[in-house]
């Protein structure tokens, strides 16, 4: 019984650490991307600025990053898709 509880504790710590790392990485990536989109296109991000998008992704993680991608980079977004394309 002691071995199982030790394994559970170690697994929980590793899982929590991995979750924090993923959330921070996604939040940083979204924050950087939102700032680049604003600089490249001159348009603001949907609803809020880059900082709040980053904070939202820090809290929601992968789900929030998926929502950010759908709104700003997928073909489902309203208006022309300009991210990642050079306009010549």
Protein backbone atom coordinates (compact mmCIF):
# COMPACT_ATOMS: atom_id res chain seq x y z
CA UNK A 1 0.00 0.00 0.00
CA UNK A 2 2.86 2.39 0.80
CA UNK A 3 4.45 1.75 -2.61
CA UNK A 4 1.21 2.58 -4.41
CA UNK A 5 0.75 5.84 -2.53
CA UNK A 6 4.37 6.81 -3.23
CA UNK A 7 3.86 6.08 -6.92
CA UNK A 8 0.65 8.11 -6.91
CA UNK A 9 2.37 11.06 -5.27
CA UNK A 10 5.30 11.00 -7.72
CA UNK A 11 2.95 10.65 -10.67
CA UNK A 12 0.84 13.57 -9.42
CA UNK A 13 3.88 15.81 -9.03
CA UNK A 14 5.18 14.92 -12.50
CA UNK A 15 1.74 15.43 -14.07
CA UNK A 16 1.25 18.79 -12.32
CA UNK A 17 4.71 19.96 -13.39
CA UNK A 18 4.09 18.93 -16.99
CA UNK A 19 0.73 20.73 -16.95
CA UNK A 20 2.31 23.94 -15.68
CA UNK A 21 5.05 23.75 -18.31
CA UNK A 22 2.53 23.20 -21.13
CA UNK A 23 0.29 26.05 -19.94
CA UNK A 24 3.21 28.47 -19.68
CA UNK A 25 4.60 27.43 -23.08
CA UNK A 26 1.23 27.84 -24.81
CA UNK A 27 0.57 31.17 -23.07
CA UNK A 28 3.96 32.50 -24.15
CA UNK A 29 3.47 31.29 -27.72
CA UNK A 30 0.00 32.86 -27.98
CA UNK A 31 1.20 36.13 -26.46
CA UNK A 32 4.10 36.34 -28.94
CA UNK A 33 1.85 35.37 -31.86
CA UNK A 34 -0.82 37.92 -30.91
CA UNK A 35 1.79 40.69 -30.73
CA UNK A 36 3.20 39.65 -34.14
CA UNK A 37 -0.27 39.55 -35.71
CA UNK A 38 -0.97 43.03 -34.36
CA UNK A 39 2.35 44.34 -35.70
CA UNK A 40 2.11 42.60 -39.08
CA UNK A 41 -1.51 43.39 -39.90
CA UNK A 42 -2.09 46.48 -37.80
CA UNK A 43 -5.33 44.93 -36.56
CA UNK A 44 -6.16 44.10 -32.96
CA UNK A 45 -6.81 40.59 -31.79
CA UNK A 46 -10.42 39.54 -31.21
CA UNK A 47 -12.03 41.07 -28.09
CA UNK A 48 -8.88 41.68 -26.02
CA UNK A 49 -5.19 42.46 -26.45
CA UNK A 50 -2.23 40.11 -26.56
CA UNK A 51 -1.62 40.23 -22.80
CA UNK A 52 -5.13 39.10 -21.91
CA UNK A 53 -5.05 36.37 -24.53
CA UNK A 54 -1.80 35.13 -22.97
CA UNK A 55 -3.30 35.24 -19.49
CA UNK A 56 -6.40 33.40 -20.69
CA UNK A 57 -4.27 30.69 -22.25
CA UNK A 58 -2.24 30.42 -19.05
CA UNK A 59 -5.46 29.52 -17.25
CA UNK A 60 -7.17 27.39 -19.92
CA UNK A 61 -4.15 25.71 -21.53
CA UNK A 62 -4.52 23.68 -24.71
CA UNK A 63 -8.28 24.29 -24.98
CA UNK A 64 -7.77 28.06 -24.93
CA UNK A 65 -4.92 27.83 -27.43
CA UNK A 66 -7.23 25.90 -29.75
CA UNK A 67 -9.88 28.59 -29.42
CA UNK A 68 -7.26 31.29 -30.13
CA UNK A 69 -6.16 29.40 -33.24
CA UNK A 70 -9.74 28.99 -34.47
CA UNK A 71 -10.43 32.70 -34.05
CA UNK A 72 -7.18 34.08 -35.47
CA UNK A 73 -5.64 31.53 -37.86
CA UNK A 74 -8.22 29.06 -39.18
CA UNK A 75 -10.36 29.44 -42.27
CA UNK A 76 -13.39 29.74 -39.97
CA UNK A 77 -12.43 33.27 -38.92
CA UNK A 78 -14.36 36.23 -40.21
CA UNK A 79 -12.50 38.27 -42.78
CA UNK A 80 -9.33 37.44 -44.70
CA UNK A 81 -6.74 35.15 -43.20
CA UNK A 82 -3.51 37.16 -43.14
CA UNK A 83 -1.44 35.28 -40.58
CA UNK A 84 1.47 33.44 -42.12
CA UNK A 85 0.96 34.89 -45.60
CA UNK A 86 3.11 37.56 -47.12
CA UNK A 87 1.14 40.22 -48.93
CA UNK A 88 2.99 41.35 -52.05
